[in-house]
Amino acid sequence: MGFGGSLVNDAVKFDFVLEGAGWANCSLTVGAQAFEMSGVSYCTDALGDLIRVATLMAAGHNVATISFDGEPREWRWMFQRHWFDDLKGRQEGLRIRILGFYDISEQAPEAEGQLKFEAACDPDDFARAVEQVADRIWSELGTAGYAQVWGMEPFPTRALVALKAALASPPEFTTMLT
């Protein structure tokens, strides 16, 4: 029985489901682009890293990278803000690329990775999707339940509080500070 959930947004669908002691499945859909990771290991702080990178992007950070351990494979998620002009004027976007590597312990350079996913979305749409899934996991499991299912690692409570604070600030304020 899995714990977790998903959020469907205009452009972003995110799932993170804990599947027993120290394992999770994760998927991300942005528009028509979709990617699924099965067998994410507790050897990396997968949910905590996702919450922290969502916080960075919601707060206006430009570039971030996180890695997930698939024992032995690696999924490296790379985030980069970009700006574009459309009928609404200058708009901000978030480019997400996911590279696959054979073995996480090799720490291979980006050029050796296989592109598994690439899409762009609104930074806040991504951050809200992560926030809502994290909220759902917290509601279902709490601190003790999360630690039991995710290999004794504590729930990333501070990271989730920081994400909520970043999303509570108006985007215009975030842009002024960067």
N, C-alpha and C. Protein backbone atom coordinates (compact mmCIF):
# COMPACT_ATOMS: atom_id res chain seq x y z
N MET A 1 0.84 -1.17 0.00
CA MET A 1 0.00 0.00 0.00
C MET A 1 0.89 1.23 0.00
N GLY A 2 0.64 2.14 -0.91
CA GLY A 2 1.47 3.33 -1.03
C GLY A 2 0.89 4.51 -0.26
N PHE A 3 1.76 5.42 0.13
CA PHE A 3 1.36 6.65 0.79
C PHE A 3 1.82 7.80 -0.07
N GLY A 4 1.01 8.79 -0.22
CA GLY A 4 1.38 9.95 -1.00
C GLY A 4 0.21 10.39 -1.82
N GLY A 5 0.47 11.07 -2.88
CA GLY A 5 -0.64 11.52 -3.69
C GLY A 5 -0.17 12.33 -4.85
N SER A 6 -1.14 12.96 -5.48
CA SER A 6 -0.83 13.74 -6.66
C SER A 6 -1.62 15.03 -6.67
N LEU A 7 -1.18 15.94 -7.46
CA LEU A 7 -1.87 17.19 -7.68
C LEU A 7 -1.97 17.37 -9.18
N VAL A 8 -3.15 17.72 -9.64
CA VAL A 8 -3.30 18.06 -11.05
C VAL A 8 -3.50 19.56 -11.12
N ASN A 9 -2.69 20.22 -11.89
CA ASN A 9 -2.70 21.65 -12.07
C ASN A 9 -2.96 21.90 -13.55
N ASP A 10 -3.17 23.14 -13.94
CA ASP A 10 -3.35 23.43 -15.36
C ASP A 10 -2.21 22.85 -16.19
N ALA A 11 -0.99 22.93 -15.67
CA ALA A 11 0.16 22.52 -16.46
C ALA A 11 1.01 21.44 -15.80
N VAL A 12 0.85 21.21 -14.49
CA VAL A 12 1.76 20.33 -13.76
C VAL A 12 0.98 19.26 -13.00
N LYS A 13 1.42 18.03 -13.16
CA LYS A 13 0.91 16.93 -12.34
C LYS A 13 2.12 16.28 -11.71
N PHE A 14 2.09 16.12 -10.40
CA PHE A 14 3.22 15.57 -9.66
C PHE A 14 2.71 14.47 -8.74
N ASP A 15 3.41 13.35 -8.70
CA ASP A 15 3.09 12.24 -7.80
C ASP A 15 4.36 11.84 -7.06
N PHE A 16 4.21 11.51 -5.80
CA PHE A 16 5.30 10.95 -5.00
C PHE A 16 4.64 9.98 -4.04
N VAL A 17 4.89 8.70 -4.24
CA VAL A 17 4.21 7.67 -3.46
C VAL A 17 5.25 6.80 -2.78
N LEU A 18 5.21 6.76 -1.44
CA LEU A 18 6.10 5.91 -0.66
C LEU A 18 5.58 4.48 -0.77
N GLU A 19 6.46 3.57 -1.17
CA GLU A 19 6.07 2.19 -1.46
C GLU A 19 6.76 1.20 -0.54
N GLY A 20 6.70 1.41 0.74
CA GLY A 20 7.33 0.46 1.65
C GLY A 20 8.63 1.00 2.18
N ALA A 21 9.31 0.19 2.94
CA ALA A 21 10.50 0.62 3.68
C ALA A 21 11.59 1.16 2.76
N GLY A 22 11.66 2.48 2.68
CA GLY A 22 12.75 3.14 1.96
C GLY A 22 12.63 3.21 0.46
N TRP A 23 11.44 3.03 -0.10
CA TRP A 23 11.27 3.08 -1.55
C TRP A 23 10.10 3.98 -1.91
N ALA A 24 10.23 4.65 -3.05
CA ALA A 24 9.16 5.52 -3.54
C ALA A 24 9.11 5.47 -5.05
N ASN A 25 7.97 5.83 -5.57
CA ASN A 25 7.78 6.05 -7.00
C ASN A 25 7.40 7.51 -7.17
N CYS A 26 7.90 8.10 -8.23
CA CYS A 26 7.70 9.52 -8.46
C CYS A 26 7.42 9.75 -9.94
N SER A 27 6.49 10.65 -10.21
CA SER A 27 6.26 11.02 -11.61
C SER A 27 5.98 12.50 -11.72
N LEU A 28 6.30 13.04 -12.87
CA LEU A 28 6.10 14.45 -13.16
C LEU A 28 5.55 14.56 -14.58
N THR A 29 4.48 15.31 -14.71
CA THR A 29 3.92 15.62 -16.02
C THR A 29 3.80 17.13 -16.12
N VAL A 30 4.34 17.67 -17.19
CA VAL A 30 4.22 19.10 -17.48
C VAL A 30 3.68 19.18 -18.90
N GLY A 31 2.44 19.68 -19.02
CA GLY A 31 1.81 19.71 -20.33
C GLY A 31 1.71 18.30 -20.87
N ALA A 32 2.25 18.07 -22.06
CA ALA A 32 2.19 16.75 -22.69
C ALA A 32 3.41 15.88 -22.37
N GLN A 33 4.39 16.43 -21.65
CA GLN A 33 5.61 15.70 -21.32
C GLN A 33 5.45 14.99 -19.98
N ALA A 34 5.79 13.71 -19.93
CA ALA A 34 5.65 12.95 -18.69
C ALA A 34 6.89 12.11 -18.43
N PHE A 35 7.18 11.91 -17.14
CA PHE A 35 8.32 11.10 -16.73
C PHE A 35 7.96 10.37 -15.45
N GLU A 36 8.41 9.13 -15.34
CA GLU A 36 8.15 8.32 -14.16
C GLU A 36 9.43 7.68 -13.65
N MET A 37 9.63 7.71 -12.34
CA MET A 37 10.76 7.05 -11.70
C MET A 37 10.20 6.00 -10.76
N SER A 38 10.59 4.76 -10.96
CA SER A 38 10.20 3.68 -10.05
C SER A 38 11.42 3.23 -9.29
N GLY A 39 11.27 2.98 -8.01
CA GLY A 39 12.38 2.49 -7.22
C GLY A 39 13.34 3.55 -6.74
N VAL A 40 12.80 4.71 -6.33
CA VAL A 40 13.63 5.75 -5.74
C VAL A 40 13.98 5.30 -4.32
N SER A 41 15.25 5.33 -3.99
CA SER A 41 15.74 4.82 -2.72
C SER A 41 15.85 5.92 -1.66
N TYR A 42 15.74 5.51 -0.41
CA TYR A 42 15.92 6.42 0.72
C TYR A 42 17.38 6.87 0.88
N CYS A 43 18.28 6.37 0.05
CA CYS A 43 19.69 6.77 0.13
C CYS A 43 19.89 8.25 -0.21
N THR A 44 18.90 8.85 -0.86
CA THR A 44 18.87 10.29 -1.02
C THR A 44 17.58 10.77 -0.37
N ASP A 45 17.56 11.99 0.09
CA ASP A 45 16.38 12.57 0.73
C ASP A 45 15.43 13.08 -0.35
N ALA A 46 14.82 12.16 -1.07
CA ALA A 46 14.06 12.49 -2.27
C ALA A 46 12.99 13.55 -2.03
N LEU A 47 12.08 13.31 -1.11
CA LEU A 47 11.01 14.28 -0.87
C LEU A 47 11.57 15.58 -0.32
N GLY A 48 12.49 15.49 0.63
CA GLY A 48 13.10 16.71 1.18
C GLY A 48 13.81 17.52 0.11
N ASP A 49 14.54 16.85 -0.78
CA ASP A 49 15.23 17.57 -1.85
C ASP A 49 14.24 18.23 -2.81
N LEU A 50 13.15 17.54 -3.12
CA LEU A 50 12.12 18.14 -3.99
C LEU A 50 11.50 19.38 -3.34
N ILE A 51 11.21 19.30 -2.06
CA ILE A 51 10.63 20.44 -1.36
C ILE A 51 11.62 21.60 -1.35
N ARG A 52 12.90 21.32 -1.06
CA ARG A 52 13.90 22.38 -1.01
C ARG A 52 14.10 23.03 -2.38
N VAL A 53 14.14 22.23 -3.45
CA VAL A 53 14.33 22.83 -4.77
C VAL A 53 13.09 23.62 -5.19
N ALA A 54 11.91 23.15 -4.82
CA ALA A 54 10.68 23.91 -5.11
C ALA A 54 10.71 25.25 -4.38
N THR A 55 11.23 25.24 -3.15
CA THR A 55 11.36 26.49 -2.38
C THR A 55 12.31 27.45 -3.08
N LEU A 56 13.45 26.94 -3.52
CA LEU A 56 14.41 27.78 -4.23
C LEU A 56 13.78 28.41 -5.47
N MET A 57 13.07 27.62 -6.25
CA MET A 57 12.48 28.13 -7.48
C MET A 57 11.36 29.13 -7.18
N ALA A 58 10.55 28.86 -6.16
CA ALA A 58 9.48 29.79 -5.79
C ALA A 58 10.05 31.10 -5.25
N ALA A 59 11.23 31.04 -4.66
CA ALA A 59 11.87 32.23 -4.09
C ALA A 59 12.69 33.01 -5.11
N GLY A 60 12.74 32.54 -6.36
CA GLY A 60 13.42 33.29 -7.41
C GLY A 60 14.81 32.82 -7.75
N HIS A 61 15.26 31.71 -7.18
CA HIS A 61 16.59 31.17 -7.50
C HIS A 61 16.65 30.82 -8.99
N ASN A 62 17.82 30.92 -9.60
CA ASN A 62 17.94 30.71 -11.04
C ASN A 62 18.23 29.28 -11.46
N VAL A 63 19.09 28.55 -10.74
CA VAL A 63 19.54 27.23 -11.17
C VAL A 63 19.65 26.32 -9.95
N ALA A 64 19.22 25.07 -10.10
CA ALA A 64 19.38 24.08 -9.03
C ALA A 64 19.41 22.69 -9.65
N THR A 65 20.06 21.76 -8.94
CA THR A 65 20.14 20.36 -9.38
C THR A 65 19.96 19.46 -8.16
N ILE A 66 19.19 18.40 -8.32
CA ILE A 66 19.05 17.38 -7.28
C ILE A 66 19.19 16.00 -7.93
N SER A 67 19.63 15.03 -7.14
CA SER A 67 19.81 13.67 -7.64
C SER A 67 19.01 12.69 -6.80
N PHE A 68 18.50 11.67 -7.46
CA PHE A 68 17.77 10.60 -6.81
C PHE A 68 18.50 9.29 -7.06
N ASP A 69 18.61 8.49 -6.01
CA ASP A 69 19.29 7.20 -6.08
C ASP A 69 18.29 6.11 -6.42
N GLY A 70 18.59 5.36 -7.45
CA GLY A 70 17.77 4.22 -7.85
C GLY A 70 18.50 2.91 -7.65
N GLU A 71 19.58 2.93 -6.91
CA GLU A 71 20.39 1.76 -6.56
C GLU A 71 20.53 0.76 -7.73
N PRO A 72 21.40 0.96 -8.66
CA PRO A 72 22.51 1.92 -8.66
C PRO A 72 22.26 3.16 -9.51
N ARG A 73 21.20 3.19 -10.30
CA ARG A 73 21.04 4.29 -11.26
C ARG A 73 20.81 5.62 -10.55
N GLU A 74 20.95 6.68 -11.33
CA GLU A 74 20.72 8.04 -10.85
C GLU A 74 19.78 8.75 -11.80
N TRP A 75 18.87 9.51 -11.21
CA TRP A 75 18.06 10.46 -11.96
C TRP A 75 18.46 11.83 -11.46
N ARG A 76 18.98 12.65 -12.36
CA ARG A 76 19.43 14.00 -12.00
C ARG A 76 18.43 15.00 -12.56
N TRP A 77 17.77 15.73 -11.66
CA TRP A 77 16.79 16.75 -12.05
C TRP A 77 17.49 18.10 -12.05
N MET A 78 17.38 18.81 -13.16
CA MET A 78 18.04 20.10 -13.31
C MET A 78 16.98 21.17 -13.60
N PHE A 79 17.06 22.26 -12.85
CA PHE A 79 16.07 23.33 -12.92
C PHE A 79 16.77 24.62 -13.33
N GLN A 80 16.14 25.35 -14.25
CA GLN A 80 16.71 26.64 -14.67
C GLN A 80 15.57 27.58 -15.02
N ARG A 81 15.60 28.76 -14.42
CA ARG A 81 14.61 29.78 -14.76
C ARG A 81 14.92 30.34 -16.14
N HIS A 82 13.87 30.75 -16.83
CA HIS A 82 14.05 31.44 -18.11
C HIS A 82 12.93 32.46 -18.25
N TRP A 83 13.11 33.41 -19.14
CA TRP A 83 12.13 34.45 -19.37
C TRP A 83 11.80 34.46 -20.85
N PHE A 84 10.53 34.77 -21.14
CA PHE A 84 10.08 34.82 -22.52
C PHE A 84 9.00 35.89 -22.64
N ASP A 85 8.81 36.37 -23.87
CA ASP A 85 7.78 37.37 -24.13
C ASP A 85 6.60 36.69 -24.82
N ASP A 86 5.39 37.02 -24.36
CA ASP A 86 4.19 36.55 -25.04
C ASP A 86 3.16 37.68 -25.03
N LEU A 87 1.92 37.38 -25.34
CA LEU A 87 0.89 38.42 -25.42
C LEU A 87 0.66 39.11 -24.08
N LYS A 88 1.01 38.48 -22.99
CA LYS A 88 0.84 39.07 -21.66
C LYS A 88 2.04 39.92 -21.26
N GLY A 89 3.07 39.95 -22.09
CA GLY A 89 4.30 40.67 -21.75
C GLY A 89 5.39 39.69 -21.38
N ARG A 90 6.35 40.17 -20.63
CA ARG A 90 7.48 39.33 -20.21
C ARG A 90 7.01 38.35 -19.14
N GLN A 91 7.21 37.06 -19.40
CA GLN A 91 6.78 35.99 -18.49
C GLN A 91 7.99 35.20 -18.01
N GLU A 92 7.84 34.64 -16.82
CA GLU A 92 8.89 33.84 -16.23
C GLU A 92 8.52 32.37 -16.35
N GLY A 93 9.50 31.53 -16.65
CA GLY A 93 9.27 30.10 -16.75
C GLY A 93 10.33 29.32 -16.01
N LEU A 94 10.07 28.03 -15.86
CA LEU A 94 11.02 27.12 -15.22
C LEU A 94 11.24 25.95 -16.17
N ARG A 95 12.48 25.78 -16.59
CA ARG A 95 12.86 24.66 -17.45
C ARG A 95 13.30 23.52 -16.54
N ILE A 96 12.71 22.34 -16.75
CA ILE A 96 13.07 21.16 -15.97
C ILE A 96 13.60 20.11 -16.93
N ARG A 97 14.81 19.63 -16.63
CA ARG A 97 15.41 18.55 -17.41
C ARG A 97 15.75 17.42 -16.45
N ILE A 98 15.50 16.19 -16.87
CA ILE A 98 15.87 15.03 -16.07
C ILE A 98 16.79 14.16 -16.90
N LEU A 99 17.97 13.89 -16.35
CA LEU A 99 18.95 13.03 -17.01
C LEU A 99 19.03 11.71 -16.26
N GLY A 100 19.25 10.62 -16.99
CA GLY A 100 19.45 9.32 -16.38
C GLY A 100 20.90 8.89 -16.51
N PHE A 101 21.41 8.26 -15.46
CA PHE A 101 22.78 7.75 -15.44
C PHE A 101 22.74 6.31 -14.94
N TYR A 102 23.70 5.52 -15.36
CA TYR A 102 23.75 4.11 -15.01
C TYR A 102 24.03 3.88 -13.53
N ASP A 103 24.94 4.68 -12.95
CA ASP A 103 25.37 4.44 -11.58
C ASP A 103 25.61 5.76 -10.86
N ILE A 104 24.83 6.01 -9.81
CA ILE A 104 24.94 7.27 -9.06
C ILE A 104 26.32 7.44 -8.43
N SER A 105 26.97 6.35 -8.05
CA SER A 105 28.27 6.45 -7.38
C SER A 105 29.37 6.94 -8.31
N GLU A 106 29.16 6.87 -9.62
CA GLU A 106 30.18 7.36 -10.57
C GLU A 106 30.24 8.87 -10.65
N GLN A 107 29.20 9.57 -10.20
CA GLN A 107 29.13 11.02 -10.27
C GLN A 107 29.51 11.52 -11.67
N ALA A 108 28.89 10.94 -12.66
CA ALA A 108 29.20 11.25 -14.06
C ALA A 108 28.85 12.70 -14.40
N PRO A 109 29.62 13.29 -15.31
CA PRO A 109 29.30 14.64 -15.75
C PRO A 109 27.98 14.66 -16.54
N GLU A 110 27.37 15.82 -16.57
CA GLU A 110 26.08 15.99 -17.25
C GLU A 110 26.10 15.47 -18.68
N ALA A 111 27.19 15.68 -19.38
CA ALA A 111 27.30 15.27 -20.79
C ALA A 111 27.13 13.76 -20.98
N GLU A 112 27.36 12.97 -19.93
CA GLU A 112 27.24 11.52 -20.04
C GLU A 112 25.83 11.01 -19.73
N GLY A 113 24.95 11.90 -19.32
CA GLY A 113 23.59 11.50 -18.99
C GLY A 113 22.71 11.36 -20.21
N GLN A 114 21.68 10.57 -20.07
CA GLN A 114 20.69 10.38 -21.13
C GLN A 114 19.47 11.23 -20.78
N LEU A 115 19.07 12.13 -21.69
CA LEU A 115 17.93 12.99 -21.45
C LEU A 115 16.66 12.14 -21.39
N LYS A 116 15.98 12.18 -20.25
CA LYS A 116 14.76 11.40 -20.03
C LYS A 116 13.50 12.26 -20.09
N PHE A 117 13.66 13.57 -19.80
CA PHE A 117 12.50 14.46 -19.71
C PHE A 117 12.97 15.88 -19.87
N GLU A 118 12.17 16.69 -20.55
CA GLU A 118 12.43 18.11 -20.64
C GLU A 118 11.12 18.83 -20.88
N ALA A 119 10.87 19.85 -20.07
CA ALA A 119 9.64 20.63 -20.20
C ALA A 119 9.82 21.95 -19.47
N ALA A 120 8.89 22.86 -19.69
CA ALA A 120 8.90 24.15 -19.01
C ALA A 120 7.52 24.41 -18.42
N CYS A 121 7.51 25.06 -17.26
CA CYS A 121 6.26 25.40 -16.60
C CYS A 121 6.47 26.67 -15.79
N ASP A 122 5.41 27.13 -15.17
CA ASP A 122 5.50 28.25 -14.25
C ASP A 122 6.19 27.76 -12.98
N PRO A 123 7.18 28.49 -12.45
CA PRO A 123 7.88 28.05 -11.24
C PRO A 123 6.93 27.80 -10.06
N ASP A 124 5.93 28.67 -9.90
CA ASP A 124 4.99 28.50 -8.79
C ASP A 124 4.07 27.30 -9.00
N ASP A 125 3.73 26.97 -10.24
CA ASP A 125 2.92 25.77 -10.48
C ASP A 125 3.66 24.52 -10.02
N PHE A 126 4.95 24.45 -10.34
CA PHE A 126 5.76 23.32 -9.89
C PHE A 126 5.83 23.30 -8.36
N ALA A 127 6.12 24.45 -7.76
CA ALA A 127 6.26 24.53 -6.31
C ALA A 127 4.96 24.16 -5.59
N ARG A 128 3.82 24.62 -6.12
CA ARG A 128 2.53 24.27 -5.50
C ARG A 128 2.24 22.77 -5.62
N ALA A 129 2.61 22.18 -6.73
CA ALA A 129 2.40 20.74 -6.90
C ALA A 129 3.19 19.96 -5.85
N VAL A 130 4.44 20.35 -5.64
CA VAL A 130 5.28 19.69 -4.63
C VAL A 130 4.70 19.94 -3.24
N GLU A 131 4.30 21.17 -2.96
CA GLU A 131 3.74 21.51 -1.65
C GLU A 131 2.51 20.65 -1.33
N GLN A 132 1.61 20.53 -2.27
CA GLN A 132 0.38 19.81 -1.99
C GLN A 132 0.61 18.32 -1.79
N VAL A 133 1.53 17.74 -2.54
CA VAL A 133 1.85 16.33 -2.33
C VAL A 133 2.53 16.14 -0.97
N ALA A 134 3.44 17.03 -0.61
CA ALA A 134 4.11 16.94 0.69
C ALA A 134 3.09 17.10 1.82
N ASP A 135 2.15 18.03 1.67
CA ASP A 135 1.09 18.19 2.66
C ASP A 135 0.28 16.91 2.83
N ARG A 136 -0.02 16.26 1.73
CA ARG A 136 -0.80 15.03 1.77
C ARG A 136 -0.04 13.91 2.49
N ILE A 137 1.25 13.79 2.20
CA ILE A 137 2.06 12.77 2.86
C ILE A 137 2.14 13.07 4.36
N TRP A 138 2.36 14.33 4.71
CA TRP A 138 2.41 14.72 6.12
C TRP A 138 1.08 14.39 6.82
N SER A 139 -0.03 14.70 6.17
CA SER A 139 -1.35 14.43 6.76
C SER A 139 -1.59 12.94 6.95
N GLU A 140 -1.14 12.14 6.00
CA GLU A 140 -1.36 10.69 6.07
C GLU A 140 -0.46 10.00 7.09
N LEU A 141 0.79 10.45 7.21
CA LEU A 141 1.78 9.71 7.99
C LEU A 141 2.27 10.40 9.25
N GLY A 142 2.37 11.72 9.24
CA GLY A 142 2.98 12.43 10.36
C GLY A 142 4.47 12.10 10.45
N THR A 143 5.11 12.59 11.49
CA THR A 143 6.56 12.42 11.64
C THR A 143 6.96 10.96 11.82
N ALA A 144 6.32 10.28 12.77
CA ALA A 144 6.68 8.89 13.07
C ALA A 144 6.37 7.96 11.90
N GLY A 145 5.23 8.12 11.29
CA GLY A 145 4.86 7.27 10.17
C GLY A 145 5.77 7.46 8.98
N TYR A 146 6.14 8.71 8.69
CA TYR A 146 7.06 8.98 7.58
C TYR A 146 8.42 8.33 7.86
N ALA A 147 8.94 8.50 9.08
CA ALA A 147 10.24 7.92 9.43
C ALA A 147 10.20 6.40 9.30
N GLN A 148 9.10 5.80 9.67
CA GLN A 148 8.98 4.34 9.58
C GLN A 148 8.98 3.88 8.12
N VAL A 149 8.27 4.58 7.27
CA VAL A 149 8.16 4.17 5.87
C VAL A 149 9.40 4.57 5.07
N TRP A 150 10.04 5.69 5.41
CA TRP A 150 11.14 6.21 4.61
C TRP A 150 12.49 5.99 5.28
N GLY A 151 12.71 4.87 5.88
CA GLY A 151 14.04 4.51 6.36
C GLY A 151 14.56 5.33 7.51
N MET A 152 13.70 5.69 8.43
CA MET A 152 14.05 6.42 9.65
C MET A 152 14.48 7.86 9.40
N GLU A 153 14.33 8.37 8.22
CA GLU A 153 14.62 9.78 7.95
C GLU A 153 13.42 10.61 8.41
N PRO A 154 13.66 11.74 9.08
CA PRO A 154 12.54 12.57 9.53
C PRO A 154 11.84 13.26 8.36
N PHE A 155 10.56 13.56 8.54
CA PHE A 155 9.83 14.32 7.53
C PHE A 155 10.47 15.70 7.42
N PRO A 156 10.64 16.23 6.21
CA PRO A 156 11.32 17.52 6.02
C PRO A 156 10.40 18.70 6.38
N THR A 157 10.06 18.80 7.65
CA THR A 157 9.11 19.80 8.13
C THR A 157 9.59 21.23 7.88
N ARG A 158 10.84 21.52 8.25
CA ARG A 158 11.35 22.88 8.04
C ARG A 158 11.33 23.27 6.56
N ALA A 159 11.68 22.33 5.72
CA ALA A 159 11.69 22.61 4.28
C ALA A 159 10.27 22.93 3.80
N LEU A 160 9.28 22.19 4.28
CA LEU A 160 7.90 22.44 3.87
C LEU A 160 7.42 23.79 4.39
N VAL A 161 7.78 24.15 5.61
CA VAL A 161 7.42 25.47 6.15
C VAL A 161 8.05 26.57 5.29
N ALA A 162 9.29 26.39 4.88
CA ALA A 162 9.97 27.38 4.03
C ALA A 162 9.29 27.48 2.67
N LEU A 163 8.86 26.36 2.11
CA LEU A 163 8.16 26.38 0.82
C LEU A 163 6.85 27.15 0.95
N LYS A 164 6.10 26.89 2.00
CA LYS A 164 4.84 27.60 2.21
C LYS A 164 5.09 29.11 2.33
N ALA A 165 6.15 29.50 3.02
CA ALA A 165 6.47 30.91 3.16
C ALA A 165 6.84 31.53 1.81
N ALA A 166 7.61 30.82 1.02
CA ALA A 166 7.99 31.34 -0.31
C ALA A 166 6.76 31.52 -1.19
N LEU A 167 5.84 30.56 -1.14
CA LEU A 167 4.63 30.64 -1.97
C LEU A 167 3.65 31.70 -1.46
N ALA A 168 3.75 32.07 -0.19
CA ALA A 168 2.87 33.08 0.37
C ALA A 168 3.26 34.49 -0.06
N SER A 169 4.51 34.67 -0.50
CA SER A 169 4.96 35.98 -0.96
C SER A 169 4.51 36.20 -2.39
N PRO A 170 4.05 37.40 -2.71
CA PRO A 170 3.64 37.67 -4.09
C PRO A 170 4.81 37.52 -5.06
N PRO A 171 4.58 36.93 -6.23
CA PRO A 171 5.68 36.75 -7.20
C PRO A 171 6.37 38.07 -7.56
N GLU A 172 5.63 39.17 -7.60
CA GLU A 172 6.23 40.45 -7.94
C GLU A 172 7.31 40.83 -6.93
N PHE A 173 7.08 40.54 -5.65
CA PHE A 173 8.04 40.83 -4.60
C PHE A 173 9.29 40.00 -4.78
N THR A 174 9.14 38.71 -5.12
CA THR A 174 10.27 37.82 -5.35
C THR A 174 11.12 38.34 -6.51
N THR A 175 10.49 38.78 -7.59
CA THR A 175 11.20 39.27 -8.76
C THR A 175 11.98 40.54 -8.43
N MET A 176 11.42 41.41 -7.57
CA MET A 176 12.10 42.65 -7.22
C MET A 176 13.41 42.36 -6.48
N LEU A 177 13.44 41.26 -5.72
CA LEU A 177 14.60 40.98 -4.90
C LEU A 177 15.72 40.30 -5.68
N THR A 178 15.43 39.72 -6.84
CA THR A 178 16.46 38.99 -7.57
C THR A 178 17.16 39.87 -8.58
